[in-house]
Amino acid sequence: MRHVKTEDKAWAASQIRKISQRNRPRWIVLGLLFAGGAIYIDFFLEAGKRAAGQEILWSICTLGSLLIAIRKFLNYPRLLLPIVLTLIAHGLIIVLAGRLLPLDNSLTLLFFWLPELLLLFLVLAVFARLLDPNGARPDPEEL
């Protein structure tokens, strides 16, 4: 097992705090987009267009969350394939959800959006770990 120095742990914790502070406005905007889109879909779209609107909103919010979380790692070409495979997994999930779930209320999206986001992070982590066992860690200057 690899031992990490106390200074490294403190530095890593400070970098995580910096990144989360920079990402906070992005998360707020994404949450407002999700809430506004859900209200619009539930109250203003016709019943026939509601499921398609919810699938679009689901995709935007899921992929937006994923991009916010991995924003610093998007410059690494070796992560391009895992990201593409993650997007394909998201597409398959959306197609299955459209066929199996009753998308008649945006509350349904909230209950399935969070587990799908967790699943996509796991898919990304597994594919990235298979391609690069050492991990694509950014240099301290890039953070």
N, C-alpha and C. Protein backbone atom coordinates (compact mmCIF):
# COMPACT_ATOMS: atom_id res chain seq x y z
N MET A 1 0.84 -1.18 0.00
CA MET A 1 0.00 0.00 0.00
C MET A 1 0.88 1.24 0.00
N ARG A 2 0.49 2.22 -0.73
CA ARG A 2 1.27 3.45 -0.86
C ARG A 2 1.01 4.36 0.33
N HIS A 3 2.08 4.86 0.92
CA HIS A 3 1.95 5.79 2.04
C HIS A 3 2.03 7.21 1.53
N VAL A 4 1.14 8.03 2.01
CA VAL A 4 1.08 9.42 1.57
C VAL A 4 1.53 10.29 2.73
N LYS A 5 2.39 11.24 2.41
CA LYS A 5 2.88 12.14 3.44
C LYS A 5 1.75 13.05 3.91
N THR A 6 1.88 13.53 5.12
CA THR A 6 0.88 14.43 5.69
C THR A 6 0.78 15.71 4.87
N GLU A 7 1.91 16.21 4.37
CA GLU A 7 1.90 17.42 3.55
C GLU A 7 1.12 17.19 2.26
N ASP A 8 1.26 16.00 1.69
CA ASP A 8 0.53 15.67 0.47
C ASP A 8 -0.97 15.63 0.72
N LYS A 9 -1.37 15.09 1.86
CA LYS A 9 -2.79 15.04 2.19
C LYS A 9 -3.35 16.45 2.39
N ALA A 10 -2.59 17.29 3.06
CA ALA A 10 -3.04 18.67 3.28
C ALA A 10 -3.13 19.42 1.95
N TRP A 11 -2.14 19.20 1.09
CA TRP A 11 -2.15 19.86 -0.22
C TRP A 11 -3.35 19.38 -1.03
N ALA A 12 -3.59 18.07 -1.02
CA ALA A 12 -4.72 17.52 -1.78
C ALA A 12 -6.03 18.07 -1.25
N ALA A 13 -6.17 18.16 0.07
CA ALA A 13 -7.40 18.69 0.65
C ALA A 13 -7.60 20.16 0.25
N SER A 14 -6.51 20.93 0.23
CA SER A 14 -6.64 22.34 -0.17
C SER A 14 -7.02 22.46 -1.65
N GLN A 15 -6.50 21.58 -2.49
CA GLN A 15 -6.83 21.61 -3.91
C GLN A 15 -8.30 21.22 -4.13
N ILE A 16 -8.78 20.25 -3.39
CA ILE A 16 -10.19 19.85 -3.50
C ILE A 16 -11.10 20.99 -3.07
N ARG A 17 -10.72 21.69 -2.00
CA ARG A 17 -11.51 22.85 -1.56
C ARG A 17 -11.53 23.93 -2.62
N LYS A 18 -10.38 24.18 -3.25
CA LYS A 18 -10.32 25.20 -4.31
C LYS A 18 -11.21 24.84 -5.49
N ILE A 19 -11.15 23.59 -5.89
CA ILE A 19 -11.95 23.14 -7.03
C ILE A 19 -13.44 23.22 -6.71
N SER A 20 -13.81 22.80 -5.50
CA SER A 20 -15.23 22.85 -5.15
C SER A 20 -15.73 24.28 -5.06
N GLN A 21 -14.89 25.22 -4.61
CA GLN A 21 -15.30 26.62 -4.57
C GLN A 21 -15.47 27.18 -5.98
N ARG A 22 -14.59 26.78 -6.89
CA ARG A 22 -14.72 27.24 -8.28
C ARG A 22 -15.93 26.64 -8.97
N ASN A 23 -16.29 25.42 -8.59
CA ASN A 23 -17.41 24.74 -9.25
C ASN A 23 -18.76 25.08 -8.65
N ARG A 24 -18.81 25.69 -7.48
CA ARG A 24 -20.08 25.98 -6.82
C ARG A 24 -21.05 26.77 -7.71
N PRO A 25 -20.63 27.85 -8.38
CA PRO A 25 -21.58 28.55 -9.26
C PRO A 25 -22.09 27.68 -10.40
N ARG A 26 -21.26 26.81 -10.91
CA ARG A 26 -21.69 25.91 -11.98
C ARG A 26 -22.77 24.96 -11.49
N TRP A 27 -22.60 24.42 -10.27
CA TRP A 27 -23.61 23.52 -9.71
C TRP A 27 -24.91 24.27 -9.47
N ILE A 28 -24.83 25.51 -9.01
CA ILE A 28 -26.04 26.30 -8.77
C ILE A 28 -26.79 26.55 -10.08
N VAL A 29 -26.05 26.93 -11.12
CA VAL A 29 -26.68 27.16 -12.43
C VAL A 29 -27.31 25.87 -12.96
N LEU A 30 -26.63 24.75 -12.81
CA LEU A 30 -27.18 23.48 -13.28
C LEU A 30 -28.44 23.11 -12.49
N GLY A 31 -28.43 23.34 -11.18
CA GLY A 31 -29.62 23.07 -10.37
C GLY A 31 -30.80 23.95 -10.77
N LEU A 32 -30.52 25.23 -11.03
CA LEU A 32 -31.59 26.14 -11.48
C LEU A 32 -32.12 25.73 -12.85
N LEU A 33 -31.22 25.29 -13.74
CA LEU A 33 -31.63 24.81 -15.05
C LEU A 33 -32.53 23.58 -14.91
N PHE A 34 -32.15 22.67 -14.03
CA PHE A 34 -32.95 21.46 -13.82
C PHE A 34 -34.32 21.81 -13.26
N ALA A 35 -34.35 22.67 -12.24
CA ALA A 35 -35.62 23.05 -11.62
C ALA A 35 -36.51 23.81 -12.60
N GLY A 36 -35.94 24.78 -13.32
CA GLY A 36 -36.72 25.54 -14.29
C GLY A 36 -37.22 24.68 -15.43
N GLY A 37 -36.36 23.80 -15.92
CA GLY A 37 -36.77 22.89 -16.98
C GLY A 37 -37.86 21.93 -16.54
N ALA A 38 -37.76 21.42 -15.31
CA ALA A 38 -38.78 20.50 -14.80
C ALA A 38 -40.13 21.21 -14.66
N ILE A 39 -40.10 22.44 -14.16
CA ILE A 39 -41.35 23.19 -14.02
C ILE A 39 -41.96 23.47 -15.40
N TYR A 40 -41.12 23.87 -16.35
CA TYR A 40 -41.62 24.14 -17.70
C TYR A 40 -42.23 22.89 -18.32
N ILE A 41 -41.52 21.78 -18.20
CA ILE A 41 -42.01 20.53 -18.80
C ILE A 41 -43.32 20.09 -18.17
N ASP A 42 -43.39 20.13 -16.85
CA ASP A 42 -44.59 19.63 -16.17
C ASP A 42 -45.82 20.51 -16.40
N PHE A 43 -45.62 21.81 -16.53
CA PHE A 43 -46.78 22.69 -16.60
C PHE A 43 -47.11 23.23 -18.00
N PHE A 44 -46.13 23.27 -18.89
CA PHE A 44 -46.37 23.96 -20.16
C PHE A 44 -46.28 23.08 -21.40
N LEU A 45 -45.69 21.91 -21.30
CA LEU A 45 -45.61 21.03 -22.47
C LEU A 45 -46.84 20.14 -22.55
N GLU A 46 -47.21 19.81 -23.78
CA GLU A 46 -48.33 18.90 -24.00
C GLU A 46 -47.93 17.50 -23.55
N ALA A 47 -48.91 16.69 -23.28
CA ALA A 47 -48.66 15.33 -22.76
C ALA A 47 -47.81 14.50 -23.73
N GLY A 48 -47.98 14.68 -25.02
CA GLY A 48 -47.21 13.90 -25.99
C GLY A 48 -45.74 14.29 -26.06
N LYS A 49 -45.42 15.52 -25.72
CA LYS A 49 -44.04 16.00 -25.79
C LYS A 49 -43.33 15.96 -24.44
N ARG A 50 -44.06 15.62 -23.40
CA ARG A 50 -43.50 15.67 -22.05
C ARG A 50 -42.35 14.68 -21.86
N ALA A 51 -42.50 13.46 -22.34
CA ALA A 51 -41.46 12.44 -22.15
C ALA A 51 -40.18 12.83 -22.89
N ALA A 52 -40.32 13.34 -24.12
CA ALA A 52 -39.13 13.77 -24.87
C ALA A 52 -38.43 14.94 -24.17
N GLY A 53 -39.21 15.88 -23.65
CA GLY A 53 -38.63 17.00 -22.92
C GLY A 53 -37.90 16.54 -21.68
N GLN A 54 -38.46 15.57 -20.98
CA GLN A 54 -37.80 15.05 -19.79
C GLN A 54 -36.52 14.31 -20.12
N GLU A 55 -36.51 13.58 -21.22
CA GLU A 55 -35.28 12.90 -21.63
C GLU A 55 -34.20 13.90 -21.99
N ILE A 56 -34.57 14.98 -22.66
CA ILE A 56 -33.59 16.01 -23.01
C ILE A 56 -33.06 16.68 -21.75
N LEU A 57 -33.95 17.03 -20.82
CA LEU A 57 -33.53 17.65 -19.57
C LEU A 57 -32.64 16.70 -18.77
N TRP A 58 -33.01 15.44 -18.74
CA TRP A 58 -32.22 14.43 -18.05
C TRP A 58 -30.81 14.37 -18.64
N SER A 59 -30.71 14.36 -19.97
CA SER A 59 -29.41 14.29 -20.62
C SER A 59 -28.57 15.53 -20.33
N ILE A 60 -29.18 16.69 -20.42
CA ILE A 60 -28.43 17.93 -20.18
C ILE A 60 -27.90 17.97 -18.76
N CYS A 61 -28.74 17.64 -17.80
CA CYS A 61 -28.31 17.71 -16.40
C CYS A 61 -27.29 16.63 -16.05
N THR A 62 -27.47 15.44 -16.56
CA THR A 62 -26.52 14.37 -16.27
C THR A 62 -25.17 14.65 -16.88
N LEU A 63 -25.16 15.00 -18.15
CA LEU A 63 -23.88 15.28 -18.81
C LEU A 63 -23.26 16.56 -18.28
N GLY A 64 -24.09 17.53 -17.93
CA GLY A 64 -23.56 18.75 -17.32
C GLY A 64 -22.89 18.46 -15.99
N SER A 65 -23.52 17.63 -15.18
CA SER A 65 -22.93 17.26 -13.89
C SER A 65 -21.61 16.52 -14.09
N LEU A 66 -21.60 15.62 -15.04
CA LEU A 66 -20.39 14.86 -15.33
C LEU A 66 -19.27 15.79 -15.79
N LEU A 67 -19.59 16.72 -16.67
CA LEU A 67 -18.57 17.64 -17.17
C LEU A 67 -18.07 18.60 -16.09
N ILE A 68 -18.95 19.03 -15.21
CA ILE A 68 -18.51 19.88 -14.11
C ILE A 68 -17.54 19.11 -13.21
N ALA A 69 -17.87 17.87 -12.92
CA ALA A 69 -17.05 17.09 -12.01
C ALA A 69 -15.69 16.72 -12.60
N ILE A 70 -15.63 16.46 -13.89
CA ILE A 70 -14.35 16.03 -14.49
C ILE A 70 -13.73 17.11 -15.35
N ARG A 71 -14.12 18.34 -15.14
CA ARG A 71 -13.69 19.47 -15.96
C ARG A 71 -12.17 19.55 -16.08
N LYS A 72 -11.44 19.34 -15.01
CA LYS A 72 -9.99 19.46 -15.03
C LYS A 72 -9.31 18.34 -15.83
N PHE A 73 -10.01 17.23 -16.02
CA PHE A 73 -9.40 16.09 -16.69
C PHE A 73 -9.75 16.02 -18.18
N LEU A 74 -10.51 16.99 -18.68
CA LEU A 74 -10.93 16.95 -20.08
C LEU A 74 -9.79 17.25 -21.06
N ASN A 75 -8.69 17.79 -20.56
CA ASN A 75 -7.56 18.10 -21.44
C ASN A 75 -6.66 16.90 -21.71
N TYR A 76 -6.93 15.78 -21.06
CA TYR A 76 -6.09 14.60 -21.23
C TYR A 76 -6.62 13.74 -22.36
N PRO A 77 -5.84 13.58 -23.45
CA PRO A 77 -6.31 12.77 -24.58
C PRO A 77 -6.55 11.30 -24.21
N ARG A 78 -5.83 10.80 -23.22
CA ARG A 78 -6.01 9.39 -22.86
C ARG A 78 -7.34 9.14 -22.18
N LEU A 79 -8.04 10.19 -21.76
CA LEU A 79 -9.36 10.02 -21.17
C LEU A 79 -10.48 10.20 -22.19
N LEU A 80 -10.13 10.46 -23.44
CA LEU A 80 -11.16 10.66 -24.46
C LEU A 80 -11.99 9.39 -24.67
N LEU A 81 -11.35 8.26 -24.77
CA LEU A 81 -12.08 7.00 -24.97
C LEU A 81 -13.00 6.67 -23.78
N PRO A 82 -12.53 6.75 -22.53
CA PRO A 82 -13.47 6.50 -21.42
C PRO A 82 -14.65 7.48 -21.40
N ILE A 83 -14.41 8.72 -21.76
CA ILE A 83 -15.51 9.70 -21.78
C ILE A 83 -16.51 9.34 -22.88
N VAL A 84 -16.02 8.93 -24.04
CA VAL A 84 -16.92 8.54 -25.13
C VAL A 84 -17.71 7.28 -24.73
N LEU A 85 -17.06 6.32 -24.09
CA LEU A 85 -17.76 5.12 -23.64
C LEU A 85 -18.80 5.46 -22.57
N THR A 86 -18.51 6.44 -21.74
CA THR A 86 -19.48 6.88 -20.74
C THR A 86 -20.68 7.53 -21.40
N LEU A 87 -20.45 8.32 -22.45
CA LEU A 87 -21.55 8.95 -23.18
C LEU A 87 -22.42 7.90 -23.87
N ILE A 88 -21.79 6.85 -24.38
CA ILE A 88 -22.55 5.76 -25.00
C ILE A 88 -23.40 5.06 -23.93
N ALA A 89 -22.83 4.84 -22.75
CA ALA A 89 -23.60 4.23 -21.66
C ALA A 89 -24.79 5.10 -21.29
N HIS A 90 -24.59 6.42 -21.27
CA HIS A 90 -25.70 7.33 -20.98
C HIS A 90 -26.79 7.22 -22.05
N GLY A 91 -26.38 7.16 -23.30
CA GLY A 91 -27.36 7.01 -24.37
C GLY A 91 -28.18 5.74 -24.23
N LEU A 92 -27.52 4.64 -23.88
CA LEU A 92 -28.25 3.39 -23.67
C LEU A 92 -29.21 3.48 -22.49
N ILE A 93 -28.79 4.14 -21.43
CA ILE A 93 -29.66 4.31 -20.27
C ILE A 93 -30.88 5.14 -20.64
N ILE A 94 -30.69 6.20 -21.41
CA ILE A 94 -31.81 7.06 -21.80
C ILE A 94 -32.79 6.29 -22.70
N VAL A 95 -32.26 5.50 -23.63
CA VAL A 95 -33.14 4.72 -24.50
C VAL A 95 -33.95 3.71 -23.68
N LEU A 96 -33.28 3.01 -22.76
CA LEU A 96 -34.00 2.06 -21.90
C LEU A 96 -35.02 2.76 -21.02
N ALA A 97 -34.66 3.91 -20.49
CA ALA A 97 -35.58 4.65 -19.63
C ALA A 97 -36.81 5.11 -20.40
N GLY A 98 -36.59 5.54 -21.64
CA GLY A 98 -37.72 5.98 -22.45
C GLY A 98 -38.70 4.86 -22.75
N ARG A 99 -38.18 3.65 -22.81
CA ARG A 99 -39.06 2.51 -23.11
C ARG A 99 -39.67 1.88 -21.86
N LEU A 100 -38.97 1.94 -20.73
CA LEU A 100 -39.42 1.21 -19.55
C LEU A 100 -40.08 2.07 -18.47
N LEU A 101 -39.73 3.36 -18.41
CA LEU A 101 -40.23 4.19 -17.31
C LEU A 101 -41.40 5.06 -17.76
N PRO A 102 -42.33 5.30 -16.86
CA PRO A 102 -43.41 6.24 -17.18
C PRO A 102 -42.93 7.68 -16.95
N LEU A 103 -42.43 8.32 -17.99
CA LEU A 103 -41.92 9.68 -17.86
C LEU A 103 -43.09 10.66 -17.97
N ASP A 104 -43.87 10.74 -16.90
CA ASP A 104 -45.00 11.65 -16.92
C ASP A 104 -44.86 12.76 -15.89
N ASN A 105 -43.84 12.66 -15.03
CA ASN A 105 -43.63 13.66 -14.01
C ASN A 105 -42.13 13.86 -13.85
N SER A 106 -41.70 15.10 -13.68
CA SER A 106 -40.26 15.37 -13.57
C SER A 106 -39.66 14.86 -12.27
N LEU A 107 -40.49 14.55 -11.30
CA LEU A 107 -39.98 13.97 -10.06
C LEU A 107 -39.37 12.60 -10.35
N THR A 108 -39.91 11.90 -11.33
CA THR A 108 -39.32 10.64 -11.77
C THR A 108 -37.88 10.84 -12.20
N LEU A 109 -37.63 11.93 -12.91
CA LEU A 109 -36.27 12.21 -13.37
C LEU A 109 -35.30 12.38 -12.21
N LEU A 110 -35.74 13.06 -11.16
CA LEU A 110 -34.86 13.30 -10.03
C LEU A 110 -34.44 11.98 -9.38
N PHE A 111 -35.38 11.03 -9.26
CA PHE A 111 -35.06 9.77 -8.62
C PHE A 111 -34.19 8.86 -9.49
N PHE A 112 -34.20 9.07 -10.80
CA PHE A 112 -33.36 8.25 -11.67
C PHE A 112 -32.11 8.97 -12.14
N TRP A 113 -32.08 10.29 -12.03
CA TRP A 113 -30.93 11.06 -12.46
C TRP A 113 -29.74 10.83 -11.54
N LEU A 114 -29.94 10.84 -10.25
CA LEU A 114 -28.84 10.67 -9.30
C LEU A 114 -28.21 9.27 -9.38
N PRO A 115 -28.99 8.18 -9.40
CA PRO A 115 -28.35 6.87 -9.56
C PRO A 115 -27.64 6.72 -10.91
N GLU A 116 -28.21 7.32 -11.95
CA GLU A 116 -27.53 7.22 -13.24
C GLU A 116 -26.22 7.99 -13.22
N LEU A 117 -26.20 9.11 -12.55
CA LEU A 117 -24.96 9.89 -12.43
C LEU A 117 -23.90 9.07 -11.70
N LEU A 118 -24.28 8.40 -10.64
CA LEU A 118 -23.35 7.53 -9.93
C LEU A 118 -22.86 6.41 -10.84
N LEU A 119 -23.77 5.82 -11.59
CA LEU A 119 -23.40 4.76 -12.52
C LEU A 119 -22.42 5.27 -13.58
N LEU A 120 -22.67 6.47 -14.11
CA LEU A 120 -21.77 7.01 -15.12
C LEU A 120 -20.38 7.30 -14.55
N PHE A 121 -20.31 7.78 -13.32
CA PHE A 121 -19.00 7.99 -12.70
C PHE A 121 -18.27 6.67 -12.51
N LEU A 122 -19.00 5.63 -12.15
CA LEU A 122 -18.37 4.32 -12.01
C LEU A 122 -17.90 3.78 -13.35
N VAL A 123 -18.72 3.96 -14.39
CA VAL A 123 -18.32 3.53 -15.74
C VAL A 123 -17.07 4.28 -16.18
N LEU A 124 -17.05 5.59 -15.97
CA LEU A 124 -15.89 6.40 -16.34
C LEU A 124 -14.66 5.95 -15.56
N ALA A 125 -14.82 5.71 -14.27
CA ALA A 125 -13.67 5.30 -13.45
C ALA A 125 -13.13 3.94 -13.88
N VAL A 126 -14.02 3.00 -14.17
CA VAL A 126 -13.57 1.67 -14.58
C VAL A 126 -12.85 1.73 -15.92
N PHE A 127 -13.44 2.43 -16.91
CA PHE A 127 -12.79 2.53 -18.22
C PHE A 127 -11.47 3.29 -18.12
N ALA A 128 -11.43 4.34 -17.34
CA ALA A 128 -10.18 5.11 -17.20
C ALA A 128 -9.12 4.28 -16.50
N ARG A 129 -9.51 3.50 -15.50
CA ARG A 129 -8.54 2.68 -14.77
C ARG A 129 -8.04 1.54 -15.66
N LEU A 130 -8.89 0.99 -16.51
CA LEU A 130 -8.44 -0.07 -17.42
C LEU A 130 -7.43 0.46 -18.43
N LEU A 131 -7.66 1.67 -18.93
CA LEU A 131 -6.76 2.22 -19.94
C LEU A 131 -5.48 2.79 -19.35
N ASP A 132 -5.57 3.34 -18.14
CA ASP A 132 -4.40 3.96 -17.53
C ASP A 132 -4.37 3.61 -16.04
N PRO A 133 -3.73 2.51 -15.67
CA PRO A 133 -3.75 2.08 -14.28
C PRO A 133 -3.15 3.09 -13.30
N ASN A 134 -2.24 3.93 -13.77
CA ASN A 134 -1.64 4.93 -12.88
C ASN A 134 -2.53 6.14 -12.69
N GLY A 135 -3.51 6.30 -13.53
CA GLY A 135 -4.44 7.42 -13.41
C GLY A 135 -3.94 8.65 -14.14
N ALA A 136 -4.88 9.47 -14.53
CA ALA A 136 -4.54 10.71 -15.23
C ALA A 136 -4.61 11.85 -14.23
N ARG A 137 -3.56 11.98 -13.47
CA ARG A 137 -3.54 13.02 -12.45
C ARG A 137 -2.95 14.29 -13.03
N PRO A 138 -3.58 15.44 -12.78
CA PRO A 138 -3.01 16.68 -13.29
C PRO A 138 -1.79 17.12 -12.49
N ASP A 139 -0.94 17.86 -13.14
CA ASP A 139 0.19 18.44 -12.44
C ASP A 139 -0.32 19.53 -11.50
N PRO A 140 0.45 19.82 -10.44
CA PRO A 140 0.01 20.87 -9.51
C PRO A 140 -0.21 22.23 -10.18
N GLU A 141 0.54 22.51 -11.24
CA GLU A 141 0.38 23.79 -11.93
C GLU A 141 -0.95 23.89 -12.65
N GLU A 142 -1.50 22.74 -13.06
CA GLU A 142 -2.74 22.74 -13.82
C GLU A 142 -3.97 22.94 -12.95
N LEU A 143 -3.85 22.68 -11.66
CA LEU A 143 -4.98 22.87 -10.76
C LEU A 143 -5.06 24.34 -10.42
